[in-house]
Amino acid sequence: MNHKAKAVFGNHPFTEEEKDTPIYMDASNIGQFIYPDFGLDYSDLNYMYLSTDSLTVCSMEIGPGGFFNPPDYHPGDEAYFVLEGVITQFNPATGQCIEVKEGEALLIPKGTLHSAYNFGEKAVKVLAVIAPKIVESQEFPTDVNGAKRIFHYNRDEVPERIGDWDEPQVYGTVDHLGVWPAPGEVLREKQLIYHITEQKKLKVIAGDTRPVLMKFAVSNDFLHMGEYIVPAGGVVARHSEILCHGSEAFLLGMEGPMTVYLTDTRETYILKHYEGLYIPAGMKYQLINYGTVGARAIFAIAKNL
């Protein structure tokens, strides 16, 4: 087993000649990293599925009572999808605090400071999607200075600040693809974290004769993240029409299992729980459900949907 014990930001799990071919990701090639690796007391454990120049996908785990510090920020947008537990996301620059439950998502615009806490009684597991880059080099930034805006007994210790807040759209249409929950450049100016509940996901029907449901938590000029739902039942197998994207894509198995068929190369992958598939830009594929219950996968797509 060629186990990847160390993740290389911007080039995982590839060798240079592999980036135009699909790669299935399981325990043999999922990398690990710790943030921060210079202060283990306040660190979290991360599993790296994919990292290129345009898209990074990893999962993060925090045990009960844990949190990571110092706060983090990225040279791209970051979207969380909570897989297990409840995470409390904190923006130390504004004092904004959001509790995100299993199945919900949040968007952290480029450059926005953030830290994650687990105040629950079970471990938290989160899928994180970052585009275009997770870091500028192989090191995380360590220049996070300034007081955290937290509650103090002496309120004079916390300076006054009331941030602007524009509530994103609740009900969208297919025309909101690329600007959900709001235009990316607008959200980056605010430096606020956005909570995407189930109600606030953008629902889209993909396919005419072979419809599947897509739930977009985020769709902007940097990244697209959401869920594919392929129903069970009907005649023989339920499957999608041909899907194809202008940028790199990643699928994470959730419920099913989901079968992925690459129409040009005639390759077939059975996407198991918490295992992933890298799909190069321009590669055509279909999703198939051979089971008796609905199949579900989380998708992450770089800039060009």
C-alpha atoms as a PDB file:
ATOM      1  CA  MET A   1       0.000   0.000   0.000  1.00  0.00           C
ATOM      2  CA  ASN A   2       1.474   3.356  -1.084  1.00  0.00           C
ATOM      3  CA  HIS A   3       0.183   5.394   1.849  1.00  0.00           C
ATOM      4  CA  LYS A   4       0.573   9.174   1.540  1.00  0.00           C
ATOM      5  CA  ALA A   5       1.573  10.254   5.053  1.00  0.00           C
ATOM      6  CA  LYS A   6       2.333  13.829   3.997  1.00  0.00           C
ATOM      7  CA  ALA A   7       0.168  16.060   1.837  1.00  0.00           C
ATOM      8  CA  VAL A   8       1.765  18.375  -0.725  1.00  0.00           C
ATOM      9  CA  PHE A   9      -0.304  21.516  -1.140  1.00  0.00           C
ATOM     10  CA  GLY A  10      -1.038  22.186  -4.802  1.00  0.00           C
ATOM     11  CA  ASN A  11       0.063  18.739  -5.971  1.00  0.00           C
ATOM     12  CA  HIS A  12      -1.689  15.908  -4.142  1.00  0.00           C
ATOM     13  CA  PRO A  13      -1.937  12.958  -4.795  1.00  0.00           C
ATOM     14  CA  PHE A  14      -0.392  13.455  -8.219  1.00  0.00           C
ATOM     15  CA  THR A  15       2.784  12.974 -10.075  1.00  0.00           C
ATOM     16  CA  GLU A  16       3.086  15.507 -12.880  1.00  0.00           C
ATOM     17  CA  GLU A  17       1.891  13.179 -15.633  1.00  0.00           C
ATOM     18  CA  GLU A  18      -1.293  12.097 -13.820  1.00  0.00           C
ATOM     19  CA  LYS A  19      -3.324  15.318 -13.790  1.00  0.00           C
ATOM     20  CA  ASP A  20      -5.307  14.508 -16.931  1.00  0.00           C
ATOM     21  CA  THR A  21      -6.481  11.138 -15.628  1.00  0.00           C
ATOM     22  CA  PRO A  22      -9.099  10.304 -12.981  1.00  0.00           C
ATOM     23  CA  ILE A  23      -7.838   9.171  -9.583  1.00  0.00           C
ATOM     24  CA  TYR A  24      -9.799   7.199  -6.985  1.00  0.00           C
ATOM     25  CA  MET A  25      -8.965   8.236  -3.433  1.00  0.00           C
ATOM     26  CA  ASP A  26      -9.050   5.906  -0.453  1.00  0.00           C
ATOM     27  CA  ALA A  27      -6.828   5.168   2.554  1.00  0.00           C
ATOM     28  CA  SER A  28      -3.890   4.365   0.272  1.00  0.00           C
ATOM     29  CA  ASN A  29      -3.483   7.881  -1.148  1.00  0.00           C
ATOM     30  CA  ILE A  30      -5.291  10.266   1.217  1.00  0.00           C
ATOM     31  CA  GLY A  31      -2.639  12.433   2.892  1.00  0.00           C
ATOM     32  CA  GLN A  32      -2.599  13.876   6.406  1.00  0.00           C
ATOM     33  CA  PHE A  33      -1.577  17.217   7.848  1.00  0.00           C
ATOM     34  CA  ILE A  34      -1.973  19.056  11.145  1.00  0.00           C
ATOM     35  CA  TYR A  35      -2.948  22.698  11.598  1.00  0.00           C
ATOM     36  CA  PRO A  36      -1.126  24.334  13.226  1.00  0.00           C
ATOM     37  CA  ASP A  37       1.863  22.000  13.223  1.00  0.00           C
ATOM     38  CA  PHE A  38       3.830  24.467  15.381  1.00  0.00           C
ATOM     39  CA  GLY A  39       1.376  24.325  18.315  1.00  0.00           C
ATOM     40  CA  LEU A  40      -0.125  20.887  18.780  1.00  0.00           C
ATOM     41  CA  ASP A  41      -2.190  21.759  21.881  1.00  0.00           C
ATOM     42  CA  TYR A  42      -4.592  23.796  19.725  1.00  0.00           C
ATOM     43  CA  SER A  43      -4.460  21.826  16.494  1.00  0.00           C
ATOM     44  CA  ASP A  44      -6.807  19.793  14.325  1.00  0.00           C
ATOM     45  CA  LEU A  45      -6.244  16.698  12.190  1.00  0.00           C
ATOM     46  CA  ASN A  46      -6.794  16.985   8.442  1.00  0.00           C
ATOM     47  CA  TYR A  47      -7.070  14.419   5.642  1.00  0.00           C
ATOM     48  CA  MET A  48      -6.074  15.665   2.196  1.00  0.00           C
ATOM     49  CA  TYR A  49      -8.005  14.207  -0.728  1.00  0.00           C
ATOM     50  CA  LEU A  50      -6.996  16.602  -3.484  1.00  0.00           C
ATOM     51  CA  SER A  51      -4.874  19.709  -3.957  1.00  0.00           C
ATOM     52  CA  THR A  52      -4.127  21.404  -7.286  1.00  0.00           C
ATOM     53  CA  ASP A  53      -3.482  24.976  -8.416  1.00  0.00           C
ATOM     54  CA  SER A  54      -7.236  25.535  -8.677  1.00  0.00           C
ATOM     55  CA  LEU A  55      -8.924  23.281  -6.099  1.00  0.00           C
ATOM     56  CA  THR A  56      -8.171  21.771  -2.678  1.00  0.00           C
ATOM     57  CA  VAL A  57     -10.441  19.281  -0.886  1.00  0.00           C
ATOM     58  CA  CYS A  58      -9.739  17.945   2.594  1.00  0.00           C
ATOM     59  CA  SER A  59     -11.585  16.853   5.719  1.00  0.00           C
ATOM     60  CA  MET A  60     -10.993  18.214   9.217  1.00  0.00           C
ATOM     61  CA  GLU A  61     -11.602  16.511  12.565  1.00  0.00           C
ATOM     62  CA  ILE A  62     -11.893  18.181  15.987  1.00  0.00           C
ATOM     63  CA  GLY A  63     -12.639  16.227  19.165  1.00  0.00           C
ATOM     64  CA  PRO A  64     -15.063  17.380  21.880  1.00  0.00           C
ATOM     65  CA  GLY A  65     -13.810  20.531  23.582  1.00  0.00           C
ATOM     66  CA  GLY A  66     -11.165  21.141  20.926  1.00  0.00           C
ATOM     67  CA  PHE A  67     -10.453  24.113  18.675  1.00  0.00           C
ATOM     68  CA  PHE A  68      -7.663  25.312  16.423  1.00  0.00           C
ATOM     69  CA  ASN A  69      -5.558  28.390  17.103  1.00  0.00           C
ATOM     70  CA  PRO A  70      -4.174  30.694  15.736  1.00  0.00           C
ATOM     71  CA  PRO A  71      -7.003  31.626  13.382  1.00  0.00           C
ATOM     72  CA  ASP A  72      -6.515  30.755   9.736  1.00  0.00           C
ATOM     73  CA  TYR A  73      -7.091  32.489   6.403  1.00  0.00           C
ATOM     74  CA  HIS A  74      -6.580  31.545   2.762  1.00  0.00           C
ATOM     75  CA  PRO A  75      -5.784  33.179  -0.603  1.00  0.00           C
ATOM     76  CA  GLY A  76      -9.076  31.736  -1.890  1.00  0.00           C
ATOM     77  CA  ASP A  77     -12.660  31.121  -0.814  1.00  0.00           C
ATOM     78  CA  GLU A  78     -13.306  28.205   1.557  1.00  0.00           C
ATOM     79  CA  ALA A  79     -16.557  26.266   1.907  1.00  0.00           C
ATOM     80  CA  TYR A  80     -17.333  23.845   4.740  1.00  0.00           C
ATOM     81  CA  PHE A  81     -19.806  20.967   4.572  1.00  0.00           C
ATOM     82  CA  VAL A  82     -20.422  19.451   8.017  1.00  0.00           C
ATOM     83  CA  LEU A  83     -20.317  15.648   7.720  1.00  0.00           C
ATOM     84  CA  GLU A  84     -20.641  14.764  11.415  1.00  0.00           C
ATOM     85  CA  GLY A  85     -21.353  16.685  14.611  1.00  0.00           C
ATOM     86  CA  VAL A  86     -21.813  20.417  15.144  1.00  0.00           C
ATOM     87  CA  ILE A  87     -19.051  22.955  14.520  1.00  0.00           C
ATOM     88  CA  THR A  88     -18.929  26.476  15.936  1.00  0.00           C
ATOM     89  CA  GLN A  89     -17.165  28.795  13.516  1.00  0.00           C
ATOM     90  CA  PHE A  90     -15.671  32.030  14.835  1.00  0.00           C
ATOM     91  CA  ASN A  91     -14.369  35.147  13.093  1.00  0.00           C
ATOM     92  CA  PRO A  92     -11.969  36.811  15.571  1.00  0.00           C
ATOM     93  CA  ALA A  93     -11.829  40.066  13.592  1.00  0.00           C
ATOM     94  CA  THR A  94     -15.586  40.703  13.849  1.00  0.00           C
ATOM     95  CA  GLY A  95     -16.678  38.509  16.761  1.00  0.00           C
ATOM     96  CA  GLN A  96     -19.114  36.702  14.459  1.00  0.00           C
ATOM     97  CA  CYS A  97     -19.961  33.193  15.701  1.00  0.00           C
ATOM     98  CA  ILE A  98     -21.989  30.592  13.773  1.00  0.00           C
ATOM     99  CA  GLU A  99     -23.137  27.115  14.831  1.00  0.00           C
ATOM    100  CA  VAL A 100     -23.291  24.773  11.842  1.00  0.00           C
ATOM    101  CA  LYS A 101     -25.015  21.394  12.085  1.00  0.00           C
ATOM    102  CA  GLU A 102     -24.557  18.141  10.195  1.00  0.00           C
ATOM    103  CA  GLY A 103     -25.679  18.529   6.575  1.00  0.00           C
ATOM    104  CA  GLU A 104     -25.290  22.318   6.631  1.00  0.00           C
ATOM    105  CA  ALA A 105     -22.559  24.423   5.043  1.00  0.00           C
ATOM    106  CA  LEU A 106     -20.791  27.733   5.396  1.00  0.00           C
ATOM    107  CA  LEU A 107     -18.751  30.012   3.160  1.00  0.00           C
ATOM    108  CA  ILE A 108     -15.565  31.746   4.313  1.00  0.00           C
ATOM    109  CA  PRO A 109     -14.597  34.378   1.709  1.00  0.00           C
ATOM    110  CA  LYS A 110     -10.987  34.916   0.660  1.00  0.00           C
ATOM    111  CA  GLY A 111      -8.822  36.433   3.393  1.00  0.00           C
ATOM    112  CA  THR A 112     -11.452  36.119   6.139  1.00  0.00           C
ATOM    113  CA  LEU A 113     -10.051  35.097   9.525  1.00  0.00           C
ATOM    114  CA  HIS A 114     -11.651  32.033  11.056  1.00  0.00           C
ATOM    115  CA  SER A 115     -11.267  29.485  13.818  1.00  0.00           C
ATOM    116  CA  ALA A 116     -13.349  26.381  14.569  1.00  0.00           C
ATOM    117  CA  TYR A 117     -14.544  25.066  17.944  1.00  0.00           C
ATOM    118  CA  ASN A 118     -16.266  21.867  19.040  1.00  0.00           C
ATOM    119  CA  PHE A 119     -18.550  22.514  22.008  1.00  0.00           C
ATOM    120  CA  GLY A 120     -20.427  19.238  21.463  1.00  0.00           C
ATOM    121  CA  GLU A 121     -20.088  15.749  22.898  1.00  0.00           C
ATOM    122  CA  LYS A 122     -18.976  13.957  19.720  1.00  0.00           C
ATOM    123  CA  ALA A 123     -16.179  14.485  17.240  1.00  0.00           C
ATOM    124  CA  VAL A 124     -16.741  16.959  14.436  1.00  0.00           C
ATOM    125  CA  LYS A 125     -15.887  16.012  10.852  1.00  0.00           C
ATOM    126  CA  VAL A 126     -16.028  18.685   8.148  1.00  0.00           C
ATOM    127  CA  LEU A 127     -15.316  18.588   4.410  1.00  0.00           C
ATOM    128  CA  ALA A 128     -13.407  21.735   3.414  1.00  0.00           C
ATOM    129  CA  VAL A 129     -13.225  22.941  -0.193  1.00  0.00           C
ATOM    130  CA  ILE A 130     -10.845  25.790  -1.051  1.00  0.00           C
ATOM    131  CA  ALA A 131     -10.340  27.510  -4.415  1.00  0.00           C
ATOM    132  CA  PRO A 132      -8.172  28.470  -6.046  1.00  0.00           C
ATOM    133  CA  LYS A 133      -5.367  27.877  -3.494  1.00  0.00           C
ATOM    134  CA  ILE A 134      -5.185  26.768   0.130  1.00  0.00           C
ATOM    135  CA  VAL A 135      -1.814  28.520   0.709  1.00  0.00           C
ATOM    136  CA  GLU A 136       0.649  30.552  -1.355  1.00  0.00           C
ATOM    137  CA  SER A 137       3.502  28.196  -0.408  1.00  0.00           C
ATOM    138  CA  GLN A 138       3.802  25.004   1.644  1.00  0.00           C
ATOM    139  CA  GLU A 139       3.414  26.923   4.922  1.00  0.00           C
ATOM    140  CA  PHE A 140       0.276  28.261   6.592  1.00  0.00           C
ATOM    141  CA  PRO A 141       0.299  31.974   7.485  1.00  0.00           C
ATOM    142  CA  THR A 142       1.466  32.805  10.996  1.00  0.00           C
ATOM    143  CA  ASP A 143       1.026  36.596  10.869  1.00  0.00           C
ATOM    144  CA  VAL A 144      -2.378  36.620  12.568  1.00  0.00           C
ATOM    145  CA  ASN A 145      -2.199  39.392  15.146  1.00  0.00           C
ATOM    146  CA  GLY A 146      -4.715  41.497  17.025  1.00  0.00           C
ATOM    147  CA  ALA A 147      -7.142  40.874  19.859  1.00  0.00           C
ATOM    148  CA  LYS A 148      -9.967  38.401  19.409  1.00  0.00           C
ATOM    149  CA  ARG A 149     -13.387  39.968  19.674  1.00  0.00           C
ATOM    150  CA  ILE A 150     -14.781  37.785  22.444  1.00  0.00           C
ATOM    151  CA  PHE A 151     -16.970  38.456  25.478  1.00  0.00           C
ATOM    152  CA  HIS A 152     -15.193  39.910  28.509  1.00  0.00           C
ATOM    153  CA  TYR A 153     -16.488  40.719  31.966  1.00  0.00           C
ATOM    154  CA  ASN A 154     -15.074  44.203  31.406  1.00  0.00           C
ATOM    155  CA  ARG A 155     -16.814  45.205  28.186  1.00  0.00           C
ATOM    156  CA  ASP A 156     -14.449  48.168  27.740  1.00  0.00           C
ATOM    157  CA  GLU A 157     -11.869  45.648  26.556  1.00  0.00           C
ATOM    158  CA  VAL A 158     -13.882  45.016  23.378  1.00  0.00           C
ATOM    159  CA  PRO A 159     -13.920  47.923  20.891  1.00  0.00           C
ATOM    160  CA  GLU A 160     -17.199  48.922  19.287  1.00  0.00           C
ATOM    161  CA  ARG A 161     -17.880  47.460  15.878  1.00  0.00           C
ATOM    162  CA  ILE A 162     -21.130  46.718  14.106  1.00  0.00           C
ATOM    163  CA  GLY A 163     -20.533  45.013  10.790  1.00  0.00           C
ATOM    164  CA  ASP A 164     -22.745  45.347   7.744  1.00  0.00           C
ATOM    165  CA  TRP A 165     -24.853  42.325   6.937  1.00  0.00           C
ATOM    166  CA  ASP A 166     -26.672  41.560   3.719  1.00  0.00           C
ATOM    167  CA  GLU A 167     -28.802  38.454   4.061  1.00  0.00           C
ATOM    168  CA  PRO A 168     -28.246  36.274   0.984  1.00  0.00           C
ATOM    169  CA  GLN A 169     -31.109  35.040  -1.161  1.00  0.00           C
ATOM    170  CA  VAL A 170     -33.236  32.301   0.391  1.00  0.00           C
ATOM    171  CA  TYR A 171     -34.947  31.081  -2.776  1.00  0.00           C
ATOM    172  CA  GLY A 172     -32.975  30.973  -5.994  1.00  0.00           C
ATOM    173  CA  THR A 173     -33.311  29.926  -9.613  1.00  0.00           C
ATOM    174  CA  VAL A 174     -30.926  28.358 -12.098  1.00  0.00           C
ATOM    175  CA  ASP A 175     -29.910  31.922 -13.012  1.00  0.00           C
ATOM    176  CA  HIS A 176     -28.233  32.223  -9.591  1.00  0.00           C
ATOM    177  CA  LEU A 177     -25.564  29.669 -10.539  1.00  0.00           C
ATOM    178  CA  GLY A 178     -22.262  31.482 -10.206  1.00  0.00           C
ATOM    179  CA  VAL A 179     -23.580  34.072  -7.727  1.00  0.00           C
ATOM    180  CA  TRP A 180     -24.822  31.953  -4.799  1.00  0.00           C
ATOM    181  CA  PRO A 181     -25.427  32.796  -1.990  1.00  0.00           C
ATOM    182  CA  ALA A 182     -24.332  36.175  -3.418  1.00  0.00           C
ATOM    183  CA  PRO A 183     -21.666  37.383  -5.874  1.00  0.00           C
ATOM    184  CA  GLY A 184     -18.244  36.313  -4.633  1.00  0.00           C
ATOM    185  CA  GLU A 185     -16.628  39.731  -4.929  1.00  0.00           C
ATOM    186  CA  VAL A 186     -19.375  41.261  -2.771  1.00  0.00           C
ATOM    187  CA  LEU A 187     -18.939  38.707   0.015  1.00  0.00           C
ATOM    188  CA  ARG A 188     -15.148  39.109  -0.008  1.00  0.00           C
ATOM    189  CA  GLU A 189     -15.512  42.815   0.744  1.00  0.00           C
ATOM    190  CA  LYS A 190     -17.624  42.098   3.845  1.00  0.00           C
ATOM    191  CA  GLN A 191     -15.137  39.653   5.449  1.00  0.00           C
ATOM    192  CA  LEU A 192     -18.039  37.847   7.119  1.00  0.00           C
ATOM    193  CA  ILE A 193     -18.797  34.120   7.316  1.00  0.00           C
ATOM    194  CA  TYR A 194     -22.018  32.927   5.652  1.00  0.00           C
ATOM    195  CA  HIS A 195     -24.155  30.095   7.025  1.00  0.00           C
ATOM    196  CA  ILE A 196     -25.936  27.985   4.396  1.00  0.00           C
ATOM    197  CA  THR A 197     -28.729  25.963   5.973  1.00  0.00           C
ATOM    198  CA  GLU A 198     -30.710  23.299   4.112  1.00  0.00           C
ATOM    199  CA  GLN A 199     -33.321  25.920   3.193  1.00  0.00           C
ATOM    200  CA  LYS A 200     -30.670  28.252   1.786  1.00  0.00           C
ATOM    201  CA  LYS A 201     -29.119  25.713  -0.586  1.00  0.00           C
ATOM    202  CA  LEU A 202     -29.758  26.443  -4.268  1.00  0.00           C
ATOM    203  CA  LYS A 203     -31.739  23.506  -5.666  1.00  0.00           C
ATOM    204  CA  VAL A 204     -31.339  22.731  -9.373  1.00  0.00           C
ATOM    205  CA  ILE A 205     -32.765  19.931 -11.536  1.00  0.00           C
ATOM    206  CA  ALA A 206     -30.063  18.505 -13.810  1.00  0.00           C
ATOM    207  CA  GLY A 207     -31.303  16.550 -16.811  1.00  0.00           C
ATOM    208  CA  ASP A 208     -34.548  16.343 -18.774  1.00  0.00           C
ATOM    209  CA  THR A 209     -35.287  12.654 -19.326  1.00  0.00           C
ATOM    210  CA  ARG A 210     -32.877  11.488 -16.591  1.00  0.00           C
ATOM    211  CA  PRO A 211     -33.264  14.101 -13.826  1.00  0.00           C
ATOM    212  CA  VAL A 212     -31.082  14.255 -10.726  1.00  0.00           C
ATOM    213  CA  LEU A 213     -31.134  16.859  -7.975  1.00  0.00           C
ATOM    214  CA  MET A 214     -28.212  19.199  -7.357  1.00  0.00           C
ATOM    215  CA  LYS A 215     -28.083  21.185  -4.102  1.00  0.00           C
ATOM    216  CA  PHE A 216     -25.554  24.022  -4.310  1.00  0.00           C
ATOM    217  CA  ALA A 217     -24.300  25.354  -0.996  1.00  0.00           C
ATOM    218  CA  VAL A 218     -21.896  27.646  -2.859  1.00  0.00           C
ATOM    219  CA  SER A 219     -21.642  28.635  -6.521  1.00  0.00           C
ATOM    220  CA  ASN A 220     -19.414  31.591  -7.322  1.00  0.00           C
ATOM    221  CA  ASP A 221     -16.482  32.714  -9.465  1.00  0.00           C
ATOM    222  CA  PHE A 222     -13.984  30.645  -7.408  1.00  0.00           C
ATOM    223  CA  LEU A 223     -15.753  27.389  -6.567  1.00  0.00           C
ATOM    224  CA  HIS A 224     -18.937  25.324  -6.590  1.00  0.00           C
ATOM    225  CA  MET A 225     -19.848  22.911  -3.782  1.00  0.00           C
ATOM    226  CA  GLY A 226     -22.978  20.914  -3.098  1.00  0.00           C
ATOM    227  CA  GLU A 227     -24.662  17.539  -3.370  1.00  0.00           C
ATOM    228  CA  TYR A 228     -25.792  15.190  -6.130  1.00  0.00           C
ATOM    229  CA  ILE A 229     -28.952  13.209  -5.337  1.00  0.00           C
ATOM    230  CA  VAL A 230     -29.680  10.246  -7.631  1.00  0.00           C
ATOM    231  CA  PRO A 231     -33.010   8.608  -6.677  1.00  0.00           C
ATOM    232  CA  ALA A 232     -33.719   4.891  -6.506  1.00  0.00           C
ATOM    233  CA  GLY A 233     -36.527   3.061  -8.274  1.00  0.00           C
ATOM    234  CA  GLY A 234     -37.853   3.312 -11.786  1.00  0.00           C
ATOM    235  CA  VAL A 235     -36.860   1.056 -14.664  1.00  0.00           C
ATOM    236  CA  VAL A 236     -33.644  -0.922 -13.999  1.00  0.00           C
ATOM    237  CA  ALA A 237     -31.009   1.648 -12.864  1.00  0.00           C
ATOM    238  CA  ARG A 238     -31.536   5.354 -12.244  1.00  0.00           C
ATOM    239  CA  HIS A 239     -28.781   7.485 -13.717  1.00  0.00           C
ATOM    240  CA  SER A 240     -27.958  11.039 -14.689  1.00  0.00           C
ATOM    241  CA  GLU A 241     -27.513  12.417 -18.149  1.00  0.00           C
ATOM    242  CA  ILE A 242     -23.923  13.137 -19.228  1.00  0.00           C
ATOM    243  CA  LEU A 243     -22.206  15.656 -16.952  1.00  0.00           C
ATOM    244  CA  CYS A 244     -19.054  17.628 -17.755  1.00  0.00           C
ATOM    245  CA  HIS A 245     -17.293  20.654 -16.241  1.00  0.00           C
ATOM    246  CA  GLY A 246     -14.886  23.293 -17.481  1.00  0.00           C
ATOM    247  CA  SER A 247     -12.664  22.871 -14.408  1.00  0.00           C
ATOM    248  CA  GLU A 248     -11.409  20.066 -12.187  1.00  0.00           C
ATOM    249  CA  ALA A 249     -14.033  18.285 -10.094  1.00  0.00           C
ATOM    250  CA  PHE A 250     -14.100  16.031  -7.039  1.00  0.00           C
ATOM    251  CA  LEU A 251     -16.806  13.673  -5.765  1.00  0.00           C
ATOM    252  CA  LEU A 252     -17.073  12.362  -2.187  1.00  0.00           C
ATOM    253  CA  GLY A 253     -19.153   9.249  -1.562  1.00  0.00           C
ATOM    254  CA  MET A 254     -21.880   9.710   1.057  1.00  0.00           C
ATOM    255  CA  GLU A 255     -24.869   7.390   0.629  1.00  0.00           C
ATOM    256  CA  GLY A 256     -25.512   4.742  -1.935  1.00  0.00           C
ATOM    257  CA  PRO A 257     -23.021   3.649  -3.065  1.00  0.00           C
ATOM    258  CA  MET A 258     -22.842   5.920  -6.117  1.00  0.00           C
ATOM    259  CA  THR A 259     -21.466   4.469  -9.346  1.00  0.00           C
ATOM    260  CA  VAL A 260     -19.545   6.872 -11.601  1.00  0.00           C
ATOM    261  CA  TYR A 261     -19.179   5.978 -15.295  1.00  0.00           C
ATOM    262  CA  LEU A 262     -16.681   7.872 -17.471  1.00  0.00           C
ATOM    263  CA  THR A 263     -18.334   7.829 -20.869  1.00  0.00           C
ATOM    264  CA  ASP A 264     -15.287   8.479 -23.071  1.00  0.00           C
ATOM    265  CA  THR A 265     -12.870   6.046 -21.414  1.00  0.00           C
ATOM    266  CA  ARG A 266     -15.565   3.529 -20.330  1.00  0.00           C
ATOM    267  CA  GLU A 267     -14.100   3.381 -16.811  1.00  0.00           C
ATOM    268  CA  THR A 268     -16.372   2.584 -13.859  1.00  0.00           C
ATOM    269  CA  TYR A 269     -15.845   3.613 -10.231  1.00  0.00           C
ATOM    270  CA  ILE A 270     -17.988   2.631  -7.243  1.00  0.00           C
ATOM    271  CA  LEU A 271     -17.853   5.598  -4.895  1.00  0.00           C
ATOM    272  CA  LYS A 272     -17.855   4.318  -1.315  1.00  0.00           C
ATOM    273  CA  HIS A 273     -18.544   6.244   1.895  1.00  0.00           C
ATOM    274  CA  TYR A 274     -15.960   9.012   2.506  1.00  0.00           C
ATOM    275  CA  GLU A 275     -13.880   7.926  -0.471  1.00  0.00           C
ATOM    276  CA  GLY A 276     -13.304  10.294  -3.372  1.00  0.00           C
ATOM    277  CA  LEU A 277     -12.845  10.589  -7.118  1.00  0.00           C
ATOM    278  CA  TYR A 278     -10.865  13.249  -8.971  1.00  0.00           C
ATOM    279  CA  ILE A 279     -12.353  14.113 -12.384  1.00  0.00           C
ATOM    280  CA  PRO A 280     -10.157  16.203 -14.712  1.00  0.00           C
ATOM    281  CA  ALA A 281     -11.588  19.243 -16.488  1.00  0.00           C
ATOM    282  CA  GLY A 282     -13.564  18.381 -19.614  1.00  0.00           C
ATOM    283  CA  MET A 283     -14.048  14.697 -18.740  1.00  0.00           C
ATOM    284  CA  LYS A 284     -17.606  13.405 -19.286  1.00  0.00           C
ATOM    285  CA  TYR A 285     -19.287  11.237 -16.676  1.00  0.00           C
ATOM    286  CA  GLN A 286     -22.614   9.849 -15.534  1.00  0.00           C
ATOM    287  CA  LEU A 287     -23.871   8.999 -12.048  1.00  0.00           C
ATOM    288  CA  ILE A 288     -25.698   5.688 -11.574  1.00  0.00           C
ATOM    289  CA  ASN A 289     -27.708   4.303  -8.664  1.00  0.00           C
ATOM    290  CA  TYR A 290     -27.989   0.517  -8.736  1.00  0.00           C
ATOM    291  CA  GLY A 291     -29.317   0.372  -5.183  1.00  0.00           C
ATOM    292  CA  THR A 292     -32.709   0.431  -3.500  1.00  0.00           C
ATOM    293  CA  VAL A 293     -32.262   3.778  -1.710  1.00  0.00           C
ATOM    294  CA  GLY A 294     -31.215   7.205  -2.931  1.00  0.00           C
ATOM    295  CA  ALA A 295     -27.512   7.677  -3.675  1.00  0.00           C
ATOM    296  CA  ARG A 296     -25.792  10.875  -2.578  1.00  0.00           C
ATOM    297  CA  ALA A 297     -22.358  12.373  -3.237  1.00  0.00           C
ATOM    298  CA  ILE A 298     -20.842  15.746  -2.409  1.00  0.00           C
ATOM    299  CA  PHE A 299     -19.317  17.558  -5.370  1.00  0.00           C
ATOM    300  CA  ALA A 300     -16.594  20.205  -5.453  1.00  0.00           C
ATOM    301  CA  ILE A 301     -15.823  21.964  -8.721  1.00  0.00           C
ATOM    302  CA  ALA A 302     -13.273  24.689  -9.404  1.00  0.00           C
ATOM    303  CA  LYS A 303     -14.024  27.966 -11.178  1.00  0.00           C
ATOM    304  CA  ASN A 304     -15.747  26.839 -14.391  1.00  0.00           C
ATOM    305  CA  LEU A 305     -18.923  24.854 -13.716  1.00  0.00           C
END
